[in-house]
Amino acid sequence: MTLSQTQIIRSLADALQWLEKELSWGAPLAELRHLTGRIGELYAAMITRGQMAMAVNQVGYDVVSAEGDTISVKTFTEVVAGIRTSC
């Protein structure tokens, strides 16, 4: 099933809200890897006007761009000088 760009953007907004909730509840960022990974995949799909891979944990890629390029998304979560970062 393919998602429209609107659905991808809404899903990204929902995932970001969920991340903010988890952090406000005191959840360690390192324990939210599944969520930061999903946010990265949705963001990549949004900026490339592409689609999420058809299968979860698709071998070799996570997103297919509008031009047909396959993209493997990696997110890293760390705490630097007391500041939580995720990219």
PDB file of N, CA and C in Angstrom:
ATOM      1  N   MET A   1       0.840  -1.183   0.000  1.00  0.00           N
ATOM      2  CA  MET A   1       0.000   0.000   0.000  1.00  0.00           C
ATOM      3  C   MET A   1       0.883   1.244   0.000  1.00  0.00           C
ATOM      4  N   THR A   2       0.645   2.128  -0.920  1.00  0.00           N
ATOM      5  CA  THR A   2       1.402   3.372  -0.962  1.00  0.00           C
ATOM      6  C   THR A   2       0.665   4.449  -0.176  1.00  0.00           C
ATOM      7  N   LEU A   3       1.445   5.371   0.352  1.00  0.00           N
ATOM      8  CA  LEU A   3       0.897   6.484   1.121  1.00  0.00           C
ATOM      9  C   LEU A   3       0.974   7.756   0.295  1.00  0.00           C
ATOM     10  N   SER A   4      -0.015   8.603   0.430  1.00  0.00           N
ATOM     11  CA  SER A   4       0.044   9.911  -0.223  1.00  0.00           C
ATOM     12  C   SER A   4       1.029  10.787   0.546  1.00  0.00           C
ATOM     13  N   GLN A   5       1.476  11.864  -0.083  1.00  0.00           N
ATOM     14  CA  GLN A   5       2.368  12.790   0.612  1.00  0.00           C
ATOM     15  C   GLN A   5       1.689  13.357   1.856  1.00  0.00           C
ATOM     16  N   THR A   6       0.402  13.599   1.777  1.00  0.00           N
ATOM     17  CA  THR A   6      -0.339  14.097   2.939  1.00  0.00           C
ATOM     18  C   THR A   6      -0.300  13.079   4.072  1.00  0.00           C
ATOM     19  N   GLN A   7      -0.485  11.812   3.761  1.00  0.00           N
ATOM     20  CA  GLN A   7      -0.434  10.767   4.786  1.00  0.00           C
ATOM     21  C   GLN A   7       0.962  10.657   5.393  1.00  0.00           C
ATOM     22  N   ILE A   8       1.989  10.781   4.564  1.00  0.00           N
ATOM     23  CA  ILE A   8       3.362  10.727   5.071  1.00  0.00           C
ATOM     24  C   ILE A   8       3.609  11.893   6.017  1.00  0.00           C
ATOM     25  N   ILE A   9       3.200  13.089   5.629  1.00  0.00           N
ATOM     26  CA  ILE A   9       3.406  14.277   6.466  1.00  0.00           C
ATOM     27  C   ILE A   9       2.633  14.150   7.776  1.00  0.00           C
ATOM     28  N   ARG A  10       1.408  13.680   7.716  1.00  0.00           N
ATOM     29  CA  ARG A  10       0.616  13.497   8.947  1.00  0.00           C
ATOM     30  C   ARG A  10       1.237  12.446   9.849  1.00  0.00           C
ATOM     31  N   SER A  11       1.718  11.365   9.265  1.00  0.00           N
ATOM     32  CA  SER A  11       2.365  10.315  10.052  1.00  0.00           C
ATOM     33  C   SER A  11       3.631  10.837  10.713  1.00  0.00           C
ATOM     34  N   LEU A  12       4.382  11.658   9.985  1.00  0.00           N
ATOM     35  CA  LEU A  12       5.581  12.264  10.552  1.00  0.00           C
ATOM     36  C   LEU A  12       5.216  13.168  11.724  1.00  0.00           C
ATOM     37  N   ALA A  13       4.191  13.985  11.566  1.00  0.00           N
ATOM     38  CA  ALA A  13       3.747  14.866  12.652  1.00  0.00           C
ATOM     39  C   ALA A  13       3.311  14.051  13.864  1.00  0.00           C
ATOM     40  N   ASP A  14       2.572  12.974  13.628  1.00  0.00           N
ATOM     41  CA  ASP A  14       2.130  12.109  14.728  1.00  0.00           C
ATOM     42  C   ASP A  14       3.321  11.484  15.449  1.00  0.00           C
ATOM     43  N   ALA A  15       4.300  11.009  14.682  1.00  0.00           N
ATOM     44  CA  ALA A  15       5.481  10.382  15.279  1.00  0.00           C
ATOM     45  C   ALA A  15       6.285  11.391  16.091  1.00  0.00           C
ATOM     46  N   LEU A  16       6.408  12.616  15.587  1.00  0.00           N
ATOM     47  CA  LEU A  16       7.125  13.656  16.328  1.00  0.00           C
ATOM     48  C   LEU A  16       6.395  14.008  17.621  1.00  0.00           C
ATOM     49  N   GLN A  17       5.069  14.062  17.575  1.00  0.00           N
ATOM     50  CA  GLN A  17       4.295  14.325  18.792  1.00  0.00           C
ATOM     51  C   GLN A  17       4.482  13.202  19.800  1.00  0.00           C
ATOM     52  N   TRP A  18       4.479  11.972  19.319  1.00  0.00           N
ATOM     53  CA  TRP A  18       4.676  10.840  20.217  1.00  0.00           C
ATOM     54  C   TRP A  18       6.066  10.900  20.850  1.00  0.00           C
ATOM     55  N   LEU A  19       7.085  11.252  20.072  1.00  0.00           N
ATOM     56  CA  LEU A  19       8.439  11.387  20.603  1.00  0.00           C
ATOM     57  C   LEU A  19       8.476  12.451  21.694  1.00  0.00           C
ATOM     58  N   GLU A  20       7.842  13.583  21.451  1.00  0.00           N
ATOM     59  CA  GLU A  20       7.802  14.647  22.456  1.00  0.00           C
ATOM     60  C   GLU A  20       7.122  14.169  23.735  1.00  0.00           C
ATOM     61  N   LYS A  21       6.031  13.416  23.611  1.00  0.00           N
ATOM     62  CA  LYS A  21       5.346  12.877  24.790  1.00  0.00           C
ATOM     63  C   LYS A  21       6.260  11.956  25.573  1.00  0.00           C
ATOM     64  N   GLU A  22       6.886  11.020  24.873  1.00  0.00           N
ATOM     65  CA  GLU A  22       7.776  10.066  25.537  1.00  0.00           C
ATOM     66  C   GLU A  22       8.899  10.785  26.277  1.00  0.00           C
ATOM     67  N   LEU A  23       9.484  11.786  25.633  1.00  0.00           N
ATOM     68  CA  LEU A  23      10.561  12.537  26.277  1.00  0.00           C
ATOM     69  C   LEU A  23      10.047  13.311  27.484  1.00  0.00           C
ATOM     70  N   SER A  24       8.841  13.879  27.377  1.00  0.00           N
ATOM     71  CA  SER A  24       8.279  14.623  28.515  1.00  0.00           C
ATOM     72  C   SER A  24       7.958  13.696  29.681  1.00  0.00           C
ATOM     73  N   TRP A  25       7.713  12.422  29.399  1.00  0.00           N
ATOM     74  CA  TRP A  25       7.456  11.433  30.447  1.00  0.00           C
ATOM     75  C   TRP A  25       8.751  10.900  31.048  1.00  0.00           C
ATOM     76  N   GLY A  26       9.888  11.363  30.518  1.00  0.00           N
ATOM     77  CA  GLY A  26      11.179  10.960  31.054  1.00  0.00           C
ATOM     78  C   GLY A  26      11.794   9.736  30.402  1.00  0.00           C
ATOM     79  N   ALA A  27      11.243   9.286  29.302  1.00  0.00           N
ATOM     80  CA  ALA A  27      11.823   8.131  28.612  1.00  0.00           C
ATOM     81  C   ALA A  27      13.181   8.515  28.040  1.00  0.00           C
ATOM     82  N   PRO A  28      14.194   7.678  28.244  1.00  0.00           N
ATOM     83  CA  PRO A  28      15.508   7.972  27.669  1.00  0.00           C
ATOM     84  C   PRO A  28      15.442   7.916  26.143  1.00  0.00           C
ATOM     85  N   LEU A  29      16.066   8.877  25.498  1.00  0.00           N
ATOM     86  CA  LEU A  29      16.045   8.933  24.037  1.00  0.00           C
ATOM     87  C   LEU A  29      16.588   7.644  23.422  1.00  0.00           C
ATOM     88  N   ALA A  30      17.601   7.073  24.062  1.00  0.00           N
ATOM     89  CA  ALA A  30      18.194   5.840  23.537  1.00  0.00           C
ATOM     90  C   ALA A  30      17.197   4.686  23.515  1.00  0.00           C
ATOM     91  N   GLU A  31      16.164   4.748  24.338  1.00  0.00           N
ATOM     92  CA  GLU A  31      15.145   3.699  24.371  1.00  0.00           C
ATOM     93  C   GLU A  31      14.054   3.914  23.326  1.00  0.00           C
ATOM     94  N   LEU A  32      14.144   4.989  22.586  1.00  0.00           N
ATOM     95  CA  LEU A  32      13.124   5.316  21.591  1.00  0.00           C
ATOM     96  C   LEU A  32      13.640   5.136  20.165  1.00  0.00           C
ATOM     97  N   ARG A  33      14.604   4.239  20.003  1.00  0.00           N
ATOM     98  CA  ARG A  33      15.228   4.033  18.689  1.00  0.00           C
ATOM     99  C   ARG A  33      14.217   3.667  17.609  1.00  0.00           C
ATOM    100  N   HIS A  34      13.233   2.845  17.953  1.00  0.00           N
ATOM    101  CA  HIS A  34      12.224   2.462  16.960  1.00  0.00           C
ATOM    102  C   HIS A  34      11.478   3.691  16.447  1.00  0.00           C
ATOM    103  N   LEU A  35      11.230   4.633  17.355  1.00  0.00           N
ATOM    104  CA  LEU A  35      10.483   5.833  16.986  1.00  0.00           C
ATOM    105  C   LEU A  35      11.353   6.801  16.187  1.00  0.00           C
ATOM    106  N   THR A  36      12.605   6.998  16.620  1.00  0.00           N
ATOM    107  CA  THR A  36      13.482   7.898  15.866  1.00  0.00           C
ATOM    108  C   THR A  36      13.787   7.317  14.484  1.00  0.00           C
ATOM    109  N   GLY A  37      13.863   5.993  14.396  1.00  0.00           N
ATOM    110  CA  GLY A  37      14.071   5.357  13.094  1.00  0.00           C
ATOM    111  C   GLY A  37      12.903   5.597  12.156  1.00  0.00           C
ATOM    112  N   ARG A  38      11.706   5.462  12.681  1.00  0.00           N
ATOM    113  CA  ARG A  38      10.502   5.691  11.869  1.00  0.00           C
ATOM    114  C   ARG A  38      10.420   7.148  11.433  1.00  0.00           C
ATOM    115  N   ILE A  39      10.768   8.064  12.342  1.00  0.00           N
ATOM    116  CA  ILE A  39      10.767   9.490  12.003  1.00  0.00           C
ATOM    117  C   ILE A  39      11.745   9.752  10.859  1.00  0.00           C
ATOM    118  N   GLY A  40      12.918   9.156  10.923  1.00  0.00           N
ATOM    119  CA  GLY A  40      13.901   9.321   9.854  1.00  0.00           C
ATOM    120  C   GLY A  40      13.398   8.810   8.517  1.00  0.00           C
ATOM    121  N   GLU A  41      12.744   7.657   8.534  1.00  0.00           N
ATOM    122  CA  GLU A  41      12.205   7.087   7.296  1.00  0.00           C
ATOM    123  C   GLU A  41      11.096   7.961   6.719  1.00  0.00           C
ATOM    124  N   LEU A  42      10.195   8.416   7.570  1.00  0.00           N
ATOM    125  CA  LEU A  42       9.109   9.283   7.101  1.00  0.00           C
ATOM    126  C   LEU A  42       9.653  10.598   6.555  1.00  0.00           C
ATOM    127  N   TYR A  43      10.662  11.155   7.226  1.00  0.00           N
ATOM    128  CA  TYR A  43      11.260  12.410   6.765  1.00  0.00           C
ATOM    129  C   TYR A  43      11.910  12.215   5.394  1.00  0.00           C
ATOM    130  N   ALA A  44      12.643  11.112   5.234  1.00  0.00           N
ATOM    131  CA  ALA A  44      13.287  10.839   3.943  1.00  0.00           C
ATOM    132  C   ALA A  44      12.240  10.672   2.841  1.00  0.00           C
ATOM    133  N   ALA A  45      11.149   9.978   3.140  1.00  0.00           N
ATOM    134  CA  ALA A  45      10.079   9.811   2.150  1.00  0.00           C
ATOM    135  C   ALA A  45       9.458  11.159   1.805  1.00  0.00           C
ATOM    136  N   MET A  46       9.304  12.015   2.811  1.00  0.00           N
ATOM    137  CA  MET A  46       8.690  13.321   2.577  1.00  0.00           C
ATOM    138  C   MET A  46       9.574  14.200   1.689  1.00  0.00           C
ATOM    139  N   ILE A  47      10.862  14.316   2.039  1.00  0.00           N
ATOM    140  CA  ILE A  47      11.712  15.252   1.292  1.00  0.00           C
ATOM    141  C   ILE A  47      12.059  14.753  -0.107  1.00  0.00           C
ATOM    142  N   THR A  48      11.961  13.445  -0.338  1.00  0.00           N
ATOM    143  CA  THR A  48      12.228  12.921  -1.682  1.00  0.00           C
ATOM    144  C   THR A  48      10.940  12.702  -2.469  1.00  0.00           C
ATOM    145  N   ARG A  49       9.809  13.042  -1.850  1.00  0.00           N
ATOM    146  CA  ARG A  49       8.485  12.813  -2.428  1.00  0.00           C
ATOM    147  C   ARG A  49       8.333  11.352  -2.832  1.00  0.00           C
ATOM    148  N   GLY A  50       8.936  10.493  -2.006  1.00  0.00           N
ATOM    149  CA  GLY A  50       8.947   9.069  -2.291  1.00  0.00           C
ATOM    150  C   GLY A  50       7.962   8.283  -1.458  1.00  0.00           C
ATOM    151  N   GLN A  51       8.264   6.997  -1.335  1.00  0.00           N
ATOM    152  CA  GLN A  51       7.410   6.059  -0.614  1.00  0.00           C
ATOM    153  C   GLN A  51       8.243   5.231   0.347  1.00  0.00           C
ATOM    154  N   MET A  52       7.588   4.789   1.405  1.00  0.00           N
ATOM    155  CA  MET A  52       8.211   3.853   2.328  1.00  0.00           C
ATOM    156  C   MET A  52       8.364   2.517   1.599  1.00  0.00           C
ATOM    157  N   ALA A  53       9.373   1.731   1.998  1.00  0.00           N
ATOM    158  CA  ALA A  53       9.530   0.391   1.431  1.00  0.00           C
ATOM    159  C   ALA A  53       8.266  -0.419   1.707  1.00  0.00           C
ATOM    160  N   MET A  54       7.942  -1.320   0.813  1.00  0.00           N
ATOM    161  CA  MET A  54       6.705  -2.094   0.937  1.00  0.00           C
ATOM    162  C   MET A  54       6.727  -3.040   2.138  1.00  0.00           C
ATOM    163  N   ALA A  55       7.896  -3.571   2.490  1.00  0.00           N
ATOM    164  CA  ALA A  55       8.003  -4.501   3.615  1.00  0.00           C
ATOM    165  C   ALA A  55       8.767  -3.847   4.761  1.00  0.00           C
ATOM    166  N   VAL A  56       8.339  -4.142   5.979  1.00  0.00           N
ATOM    167  CA  VAL A  56       9.088  -3.681   7.146  1.00  0.00           C
ATOM    168  C   VAL A  56      10.440  -4.389   7.118  1.00  0.00           C
ATOM    169  N   ASN A  57      11.499  -3.654   7.419  1.00  0.00           N
ATOM    170  CA  ASN A  57      12.862  -4.197   7.374  1.00  0.00           C
ATOM    171  C   ASN A  57      13.215  -4.742   5.991  1.00  0.00           C
ATOM    172  N   GLN A  58      12.796  -4.013   4.965  1.00  0.00           N
ATOM    173  CA  GLN A  58      13.127  -4.365   3.580  1.00  0.00           C
ATOM    174  C   GLN A  58      14.642  -4.460   3.452  1.00  0.00           C
ATOM    175  N   VAL A  59      15.130  -5.514   2.867  1.00  0.00           N
ATOM    176  CA  VAL A  59      16.569  -5.692   2.719  1.00  0.00           C
ATOM    177  C   VAL A  59      17.118  -4.643   1.762  1.00  0.00           C
ATOM    178  N   GLY A  60      18.083  -3.849   2.222  1.00  0.00           N
ATOM    179  CA  GLY A  60      18.794  -2.911   1.371  1.00  0.00           C
ATOM    180  C   GLY A  60      18.293  -1.488   1.345  1.00  0.00           C
ATOM    181  N   TYR A  61      17.029  -1.251   1.658  1.00  0.00           N
ATOM    182  CA  TYR A  61      16.531   0.122   1.603  1.00  0.00           C
ATOM    183  C   TYR A  61      15.262   0.287   2.438  1.00  0.00           C
ATOM    184  N   ASP A  62      14.968   1.556   2.760  1.00  0.00           N
ATOM    185  CA  ASP A  62      13.796   1.902   3.566  1.00  0.00           C
ATOM    186  C   ASP A  62      12.795   2.751   2.792  1.00  0.00           C
ATOM    187  N   VAL A  63      13.305   3.517   1.820  1.00  0.00           N
ATOM    188  CA  VAL A  63      12.487   4.481   1.081  1.00  0.00           C
ATOM    189  C   VAL A  63      12.837   4.381  -0.398  1.00  0.00           C
ATOM    190  N   VAL A  64      11.836   4.581  -1.246  1.00  0.00           N
ATOM    191  CA  VAL A  64      12.055   4.695  -2.689  1.00  0.00           C
ATOM    192  C   VAL A  64      11.642   6.107  -3.074  1.00  0.00           C
ATOM    193  N   SER A  65      12.600   6.881  -3.612  1.00  0.00           N
ATOM    194  CA  SER A  65      12.321   8.274  -3.974  1.00  0.00           C
ATOM    195  C   SER A  65      11.369   8.340  -5.163  1.00  0.00           C
ATOM    196  N   ALA A  66      10.856   9.531  -5.430  1.00  0.00           N
ATOM    197  CA  ALA A  66       9.959   9.737  -6.572  1.00  0.00           C
ATOM    198  C   ALA A  66      10.660   9.389  -7.889  1.00  0.00           C
ATOM    199  N   GLU A  67      11.990   9.495  -7.911  1.00  0.00           N
ATOM    200  CA  GLU A  67      12.765   9.165  -9.118  1.00  0.00           C
ATOM    201  C   GLU A  67      13.117   7.686  -9.191  1.00  0.00           C
ATOM    202  N   GLY A  68      12.730   6.911  -8.166  1.00  0.00           N
ATOM    203  CA  GLY A  68      13.012   5.481  -8.167  1.00  0.00           C
ATOM    204  C   GLY A  68      14.291   5.076  -7.466  1.00  0.00           C
ATOM    205  N   ASP A  69      15.006   6.040  -6.879  1.00  0.00           N
ATOM    206  CA  ASP A  69      16.223   5.715  -6.134  1.00  0.00           C
ATOM    207  C   ASP A  69      15.854   5.036  -4.818  1.00  0.00           C
ATOM    208  N   THR A  70      16.596   3.985  -4.453  1.00  0.00           N
ATOM    209  CA  THR A  70      16.372   3.346  -3.158  1.00  0.00           C
ATOM    210  C   THR A  70      17.281   4.008  -2.129  1.00  0.00           C
ATOM    211  N   ILE A  71      16.740   4.234  -0.944  1.00  0.00           N
ATOM    212  CA  ILE A  71      17.446   4.971   0.105  1.00  0.00           C
ATOM    213  C   ILE A  71      17.430   4.153   1.385  1.00  0.00           C
ATOM    214  N   SER A  72      18.610   3.949   1.960  1.00  0.00           N
ATOM    215  CA  SER A  72      18.729   3.308   3.264  1.00  0.00           C
ATOM    216  C   SER A  72      18.853   4.414   4.304  1.00  0.00           C
ATOM    217  N   VAL A  73      17.947   4.436   5.256  1.00  0.00           N
ATOM    218  CA  VAL A  73      17.909   5.500   6.263  1.00  0.00           C
ATOM    219  C   VAL A  73      18.511   4.974   7.557  1.00  0.00           C
ATOM    220  N   LYS A  74      19.436   5.720   8.121  1.00  0.00           N
ATOM    221  CA  LYS A  74      20.036   5.392   9.416  1.00  0.00           C
ATOM    222  C   LYS A  74      19.854   6.585  10.338  1.00  0.00           C
ATOM    223  N   THR A  75      19.365   6.339  11.528  1.00  0.00           N
ATOM    224  CA  THR A  75      19.234   7.411  12.512  1.00  0.00           C
ATOM    225  C   THR A  75      20.176   7.113  13.667  1.00  0.00           C
ATOM    226  N   PHE A  76      20.715   8.171  14.239  1.00  0.00           N
ATOM    227  CA  PHE A  76      21.624   8.059  15.369  1.00  0.00           C
ATOM    228  C   PHE A  76      21.075   8.910  16.495  1.00  0.00           C
ATOM    229  N   THR A  77      21.090   8.373  17.691  1.00  0.00           N
ATOM    230  CA  THR A  77      20.580   9.080  18.854  1.00  0.00           C
ATOM    231  C   THR A  77      21.692   9.136  19.885  1.00  0.00           C
ATOM    232  N   GLU A  78      21.941  10.322  20.409  1.00  0.00           N
ATOM    233  CA  GLU A  78      23.004  10.462  21.403  1.00  0.00           C
ATOM    234  C   GLU A  78      22.727  11.645  22.310  1.00  0.00           C
ATOM    235  N   VAL A  79      23.453  11.679  23.419  1.00  0.00           N
ATOM    236  CA  VAL A  79      23.392  12.813  24.332  1.00  0.00           C
ATOM    237  C   VAL A  79      24.772  13.450  24.336  1.00  0.00           C
ATOM    238  N   VAL A  80      24.827  14.731  23.983  1.00  0.00           N
ATOM    239  CA  VAL A  80      26.087  15.463  23.931  1.00  0.00           C
ATOM    240  C   VAL A  80      25.989  16.633  24.892  1.00  0.00           C
ATOM    241  N   ALA A  81      26.875  16.685  25.868  1.00  0.00           N
ATOM    242  CA  ALA A  81      26.913  17.778  26.852  1.00  0.00           C
ATOM    243  C   ALA A  81      25.534  18.022  27.474  1.00  0.00           C
ATOM    244  N   GLY A  82      24.825  16.931  27.771  1.00  0.00           N
ATOM    245  CA  GLY A  82      23.529  17.051  28.416  1.00  0.00           C
ATOM    246  C   GLY A  82      22.381  17.402  27.493  1.00  0.00           C
ATOM    247  N   ILE A  83      22.662  17.566  26.204  1.00  0.00           N
ATOM    248  CA  ILE A  83      21.624  17.920  25.229  1.00  0.00           C
ATOM    249  C   ILE A  83      21.307  16.684  24.402  1.00  0.00           C
ATOM    250  N   ARG A  84      20.027  16.335  24.338  1.00  0.00           N
ATOM    251  CA  ARG A  84      19.615  15.174  23.548  1.00  0.00           C
ATOM    252  C   ARG A  84      19.569  15.558  22.075  1.00  0.00           C
ATOM    253  N   THR A  85      20.155  14.720  21.252  1.00  0.00           N
ATOM    254  CA  THR A  85      20.114  14.968  19.813  1.00  0.00           C
ATOM    255  C   THR A  85      19.700  13.693  19.102  1.00  0.00           C
ATOM    256  N   SER A  86      19.113  13.857  17.979  1.00  0.00           N
ATOM    257  CA  SER A  86      18.762  12.725  17.133  1.00  0.00           C
ATOM    258  C   SER A  86      18.867  13.195  15.694  1.00  0.00           C
ATOM    259  N   CYS A  87      19.514  12.396  14.871  1.00  0.00           N
ATOM    260  CA  CYS A  87      19.622  12.764  13.463  1.00  0.00           C
ATOM    261  C   CYS A  87      19.490  11.539  12.607  1.00  0.00           C
TER     262      CYS A  87
END
